[in-house]
Amino acid sequence: MKRRKPWNRLLCIVLPTVMAGVGAATASAAAALPDAARSAIDKLLQVQTAGLPGKVTFGIKASASTALPPCEDFEAFMPAGTAPWGRVSIGLRCRGEKPWMRFVPVHVAVEGRYFVAARAIEAGEAVGAADVTERTGDLSALPRSVITDAAALRGVVTANRVGAGAPLRKELMRGLVVIQQGQTVQLVAQGQGFSVSTEGKAMTRAEVGATVQAKTRDGRLLTGIAGEDGHIRLSQ
């Protein structure tokens, strides 16, 4: 044990110095990107992320390899097919006398709400309000198909078993069939101050929210939307 003491003292002296050097290198790397380049990336992402379902923040992952040649006129762009979501590479062009192009790694986080199963839901079960729980987190860390709008959970059943706490995804849901082909249905027309209904026969099966046609007793074909109650709301 006595022989290890000099090494311990040496580590106490050297380690802070090494860590300080690492910190200085990190700070230097972060500063490698000019303010004008950062500004161009900021403006691009503000436009590209408008309308995303949540609060968007983004961080530029500058590194020593991000050091750029001199430039006075930067243009930021996103490569074709790239979505501003999670880890992306943003292109930077210099439009000066000596043009060049580089790519900068950026992480786009989207803080928003999403829904998870409040209990284990078996395949084919109808999903009700008591079956789901709302959570908040970085949507970019979840599958892109995660459900963020409660309206998408109305009138649906599970296509596969969903474990308790699992994020609810669009591909795990399918519309609840409320109308069968040949079924007698109520056709409802509503407007300001009036509501009229008649009977008809459904021409096809339909899920909640699907467009469906029905033939009335006098032979007319009417088109509407299948409601959760099995009625067809006629198009206005």
Protein backbone atom coordinates (compact mmCIF):
# COMPACT_ATOMS: atom_id res chain seq x y z
CA MET A 1 0.00 0.00 0.00
CA LYS A 2 2.87 2.38 0.78
CA ARG A 3 4.23 2.01 -2.76
CA ARG A 4 0.96 3.25 -4.25
CA LYS A 5 0.94 6.56 -2.39
CA PRO A 6 3.33 8.36 -4.78
CA TRP A 7 1.10 7.31 -7.68
CA ASN A 8 -1.96 8.63 -5.88
CA ARG A 9 -0.24 11.96 -5.30
CA LEU A 10 0.84 12.03 -8.95
CA LEU A 11 -2.74 11.42 -10.13
CA CYS A 12 -4.01 14.21 -7.91
CA ILE A 13 -1.57 16.56 -9.58
CA VAL A 14 -1.83 15.37 -13.19
CA LEU A 15 -5.54 14.48 -13.53
CA PRO A 16 -6.95 18.01 -13.02
CA THR A 17 -4.46 19.29 -15.57
CA VAL A 18 -5.50 16.65 -18.10
CA MET A 19 -9.21 17.31 -17.52
CA ALA A 20 -8.67 21.04 -17.91
CA GLY A 21 -7.00 20.33 -21.23
CA VAL A 22 -9.99 18.25 -22.36
CA GLY A 23 -12.36 21.02 -21.35
CA ALA A 24 -10.32 23.57 -23.26
CA ALA A 25 -10.32 21.34 -26.34
CA THR A 26 -14.12 20.93 -26.12
CA ALA A 27 -14.66 24.66 -25.76
CA SER A 28 -12.33 25.27 -28.70
CA ALA A 29 -14.26 22.74 -30.81
CA ALA A 30 -17.59 24.33 -29.92
CA ALA A 31 -16.23 27.70 -30.93
CA ALA A 32 -15.00 26.34 -34.28
CA LEU A 33 -18.24 27.35 -36.00
CA PRO A 34 -18.45 31.09 -36.80
CA ASP A 35 -21.43 33.06 -35.49
CA ALA A 36 -22.57 33.81 -39.05
CA ALA A 37 -22.69 30.07 -39.82
CA ARG A 38 -24.64 29.35 -36.63
CA SER A 39 -27.08 32.13 -37.50
CA ALA A 40 -27.68 30.65 -40.96
CA ILE A 41 -28.39 27.22 -39.42
CA ASP A 42 -30.70 28.76 -36.80
CA LYS A 43 -32.77 30.56 -39.45
CA LEU A 44 -33.05 27.42 -41.58
CA LEU A 45 -34.22 25.24 -38.70
CA GLN A 46 -36.72 27.81 -37.45
CA VAL A 47 -38.44 27.52 -40.83
CA GLN A 48 -38.03 23.74 -41.24
CA THR A 49 -39.35 22.89 -37.77
CA ALA A 50 -42.40 25.15 -37.88
CA GLY A 51 -45.50 23.06 -37.30
CA LEU A 52 -43.82 20.15 -35.53
CA PRO A 53 -45.94 18.76 -32.65
CA GLY A 54 -44.06 20.25 -29.71
CA LYS A 55 -41.41 22.69 -28.51
CA VAL A 56 -38.36 22.49 -30.74
CA THR A 57 -34.79 22.99 -29.56
CA PHE A 58 -31.63 22.22 -31.47
CA GLY A 59 -27.95 22.01 -30.69
CA ILE A 60 -25.07 22.24 -33.11
CA LYS A 61 -22.62 19.41 -32.49
CA ALA A 62 -19.47 21.27 -33.48
CA SER A 63 -16.17 19.41 -33.41
CA ALA A 64 -12.59 19.99 -34.40
CA SER A 65 -13.44 18.72 -37.87
CA THR A 66 -16.13 21.42 -38.14
CA ALA A 67 -13.53 24.17 -38.53
CA LEU A 68 -14.52 26.06 -41.67
CA PRO A 69 -12.54 28.01 -44.24
CA PRO A 70 -13.05 31.80 -44.20
CA CYS A 71 -16.41 32.99 -45.54
CA GLU A 72 -18.53 36.14 -45.36
CA ASP A 73 -21.76 34.83 -46.89
CA PHE A 74 -23.16 31.54 -45.49
CA GLU A 75 -26.18 29.64 -46.77
CA ALA A 76 -27.59 26.72 -44.78
CA PHE A 77 -29.63 23.95 -46.44
CA MET A 78 -31.03 20.50 -45.74
CA PRO A 79 -30.12 17.64 -48.08
CA ALA A 80 -33.04 16.22 -50.09
CA GLY A 81 -35.08 13.71 -48.13
CA THR A 82 -33.81 14.89 -44.75
CA ALA A 83 -36.32 15.66 -42.00
CA PRO A 84 -35.51 18.10 -39.16
CA TRP A 85 -35.82 15.39 -36.52
CA GLY A 86 -33.22 13.89 -34.20
CA ARG A 87 -29.65 13.73 -35.48
CA VAL A 88 -29.30 15.41 -38.87
CA SER A 89 -26.57 16.88 -41.03
CA ILE A 90 -27.10 20.48 -42.11
CA GLY A 91 -25.32 21.67 -45.22
CA LEU A 92 -23.39 24.95 -45.25
CA ARG A 93 -22.43 26.72 -48.45
CA CYS A 94 -20.10 29.65 -48.78
CA ARG A 95 -21.33 31.97 -51.52
CA GLY A 96 -18.18 34.09 -51.64
CA GLU A 97 -15.51 34.37 -54.31
CA LYS A 98 -14.12 30.96 -53.28
CA PRO A 99 -17.24 28.82 -52.75
CA TRP A 100 -17.14 25.65 -50.68
CA MET A 101 -19.60 23.30 -48.95
CA ARG A 102 -19.49 21.45 -45.63
CA PHE A 103 -21.92 19.46 -43.43
CA VAL A 104 -22.49 20.16 -39.75
CA PRO A 105 -24.03 17.62 -37.32
CA VAL A 106 -27.08 18.98 -35.47
CA HIS A 107 -29.48 17.40 -32.99
CA VAL A 108 -33.11 18.55 -33.23
CA ALA A 109 -35.20 17.74 -30.14
CA VAL A 110 -38.99 18.04 -30.11
CA GLU A 111 -40.47 18.22 -26.62
CA GLY A 112 -44.14 17.31 -26.80
CA ARG A 113 -46.90 15.05 -25.57
CA TYR A 114 -47.53 11.50 -26.71
CA PHE A 115 -49.68 8.60 -25.59
CA VAL A 116 -48.81 5.24 -24.05
CA ALA A 117 -50.90 2.22 -23.06
CA ALA A 118 -52.15 2.54 -19.49
CA ARG A 119 -52.52 -1.26 -19.39
CA ALA A 120 -51.78 -4.22 -21.62
CA ILE A 121 -54.20 -4.07 -24.55
CA GLU A 122 -54.85 -7.27 -26.46
CA ALA A 123 -55.08 -7.34 -30.27
CA GLY A 124 -58.52 -6.39 -31.53
CA GLU A 125 -59.57 -4.55 -28.36
CA ALA A 126 -61.28 -1.19 -28.69
CA VAL A 127 -59.19 1.61 -27.21
CA GLY A 128 -60.97 3.86 -24.72
CA ALA A 129 -59.95 6.91 -22.72
CA ALA A 130 -59.12 4.78 -19.67
CA ASP A 131 -56.70 2.66 -21.73
CA VAL A 132 -54.23 5.44 -22.54
CA THR A 133 -52.00 7.80 -20.58
CA GLU A 134 -50.47 11.05 -21.74
CA ARG A 135 -46.74 11.61 -21.33
CA THR A 136 -44.28 14.33 -22.28
CA GLY A 137 -40.81 13.81 -23.69
CA ASP A 138 -38.46 14.20 -26.63
CA LEU A 139 -40.48 12.93 -29.58
CA SER A 140 -37.36 12.67 -31.71
CA ALA A 141 -36.21 9.81 -29.46
CA LEU A 142 -39.42 7.87 -30.21
CA PRO A 143 -40.71 6.21 -33.40
CA ARG A 144 -41.93 8.82 -35.90
CA SER A 145 -45.36 7.17 -35.91
CA VAL A 146 -45.98 7.72 -32.19
CA ILE A 147 -49.47 9.14 -31.61
CA THR A 148 -49.45 12.75 -30.40
CA ASP A 149 -53.08 13.69 -31.12
CA ALA A 150 -55.86 12.25 -28.95
CA ALA A 151 -58.24 12.44 -31.92
CA ALA A 152 -56.25 9.65 -33.60
CA LEU A 153 -57.33 7.30 -30.79
CA ARG A 154 -61.06 7.70 -31.28
CA GLY A 155 -62.88 4.75 -32.74
CA VAL A 156 -59.84 2.49 -33.06
CA VAL A 157 -58.87 -1.04 -32.05
CA THR A 158 -55.39 -2.46 -31.63
CA ALA A 159 -53.96 -4.36 -34.58
CA ASN A 160 -51.43 -6.10 -32.29
CA ARG A 161 -50.99 -6.58 -28.58
CA VAL A 162 -49.63 -3.45 -26.87
CA GLY A 163 -47.77 -3.82 -23.58
CA ALA A 164 -48.48 -1.57 -20.60
CA GLY A 165 -46.46 1.65 -20.86
CA ALA A 166 -45.59 1.13 -24.54
CA PRO A 167 -45.92 4.17 -26.82
CA LEU A 168 -49.01 3.96 -29.03
CA ARG A 169 -48.05 4.06 -32.71
CA LYS A 170 -50.24 4.57 -35.74
CA GLU A 171 -49.37 1.21 -37.26
CA LEU A 172 -50.59 -0.51 -34.08
CA MET A 173 -54.07 0.93 -34.54
CA ARG A 174 -56.83 0.34 -37.05
CA GLY A 175 -60.26 1.81 -37.37
CA LEU A 176 -63.15 0.10 -35.61
CA VAL A 177 -65.54 -1.38 -38.18
CA VAL A 178 -68.96 0.10 -37.38
CA ILE A 179 -70.80 -0.58 -40.65
CA GLN A 180 -71.05 -3.86 -42.54
CA GLN A 181 -71.86 -4.22 -46.26
CA GLY A 182 -75.60 -4.53 -46.78
CA GLN A 183 -76.40 -3.27 -43.30
CA THR A 184 -79.36 -0.94 -42.82
CA VAL A 185 -78.02 2.37 -41.56
CA GLN A 186 -79.26 5.80 -40.63
CA LEU A 187 -78.20 8.58 -43.00
CA VAL A 188 -78.05 11.87 -41.13
CA ALA A 189 -77.83 15.36 -42.62
CA GLN A 190 -77.22 18.19 -40.18
CA GLY A 191 -76.95 21.91 -40.62
CA GLN A 192 -77.55 25.12 -38.76
CA GLY A 193 -80.84 24.65 -36.95
CA PHE A 194 -81.91 21.38 -38.63
CA SER A 195 -81.28 17.63 -38.64
CA VAL A 196 -82.81 15.19 -41.14
CA SER A 197 -82.35 11.42 -41.28
CA THR A 198 -83.46 8.54 -43.47
CA GLU A 199 -82.64 4.86 -43.83
CA GLY A 200 -80.37 3.32 -46.40
CA LYS A 201 -78.35 0.20 -47.14
CA ALA A 202 -74.55 0.39 -46.84
CA MET A 203 -72.76 -0.49 -50.06
CA THR A 204 -69.47 -1.46 -48.31
CA ARG A 205 -68.13 -2.06 -44.83
CA ALA A 206 -66.63 0.99 -43.17
CA GLU A 207 -64.43 1.92 -40.23
CA VAL A 208 -64.97 4.97 -38.05
CA GLY A 209 -64.17 8.08 -40.07
CA ALA A 210 -64.17 6.31 -43.44
CA THR A 211 -66.09 7.54 -46.46
CA VAL A 212 -68.96 5.20 -47.31
CA GLN A 213 -71.89 5.11 -49.72
CA ALA A 214 -75.43 3.96 -48.98
CA LYS A 215 -78.47 3.46 -51.20
CA THR A 216 -81.78 4.90 -50.02
CA ARG A 217 -85.11 3.17 -50.46
CA ASP A 218 -85.83 5.25 -53.56
CA GLY A 219 -82.54 4.16 -55.17
CA ARG A 220 -80.39 7.25 -54.57
CA LEU A 221 -76.71 6.80 -53.75
CA LEU A 222 -75.57 9.08 -50.93
CA THR A 223 -72.05 9.53 -49.60
CA GLY A 224 -71.04 10.31 -46.04
CA ILE A 225 -68.68 9.59 -43.16
CA ALA A 226 -69.09 6.60 -40.84
CA GLY A 227 -69.57 7.73 -37.26
CA GLU A 228 -68.74 5.88 -34.04
CA ASP A 229 -72.47 5.27 -33.54
CA GLY A 230 -72.75 3.44 -36.88
CA HIS A 231 -74.63 6.30 -38.57
CA ILE A 232 -73.50 7.90 -41.79
CA ARG A 233 -73.03 11.66 -41.60
CA LEU A 234 -73.87 12.97 -45.06
CA SER A 235 -71.40 15.24 -46.81
CA GLN A 236 -72.56 18.83 -47.14
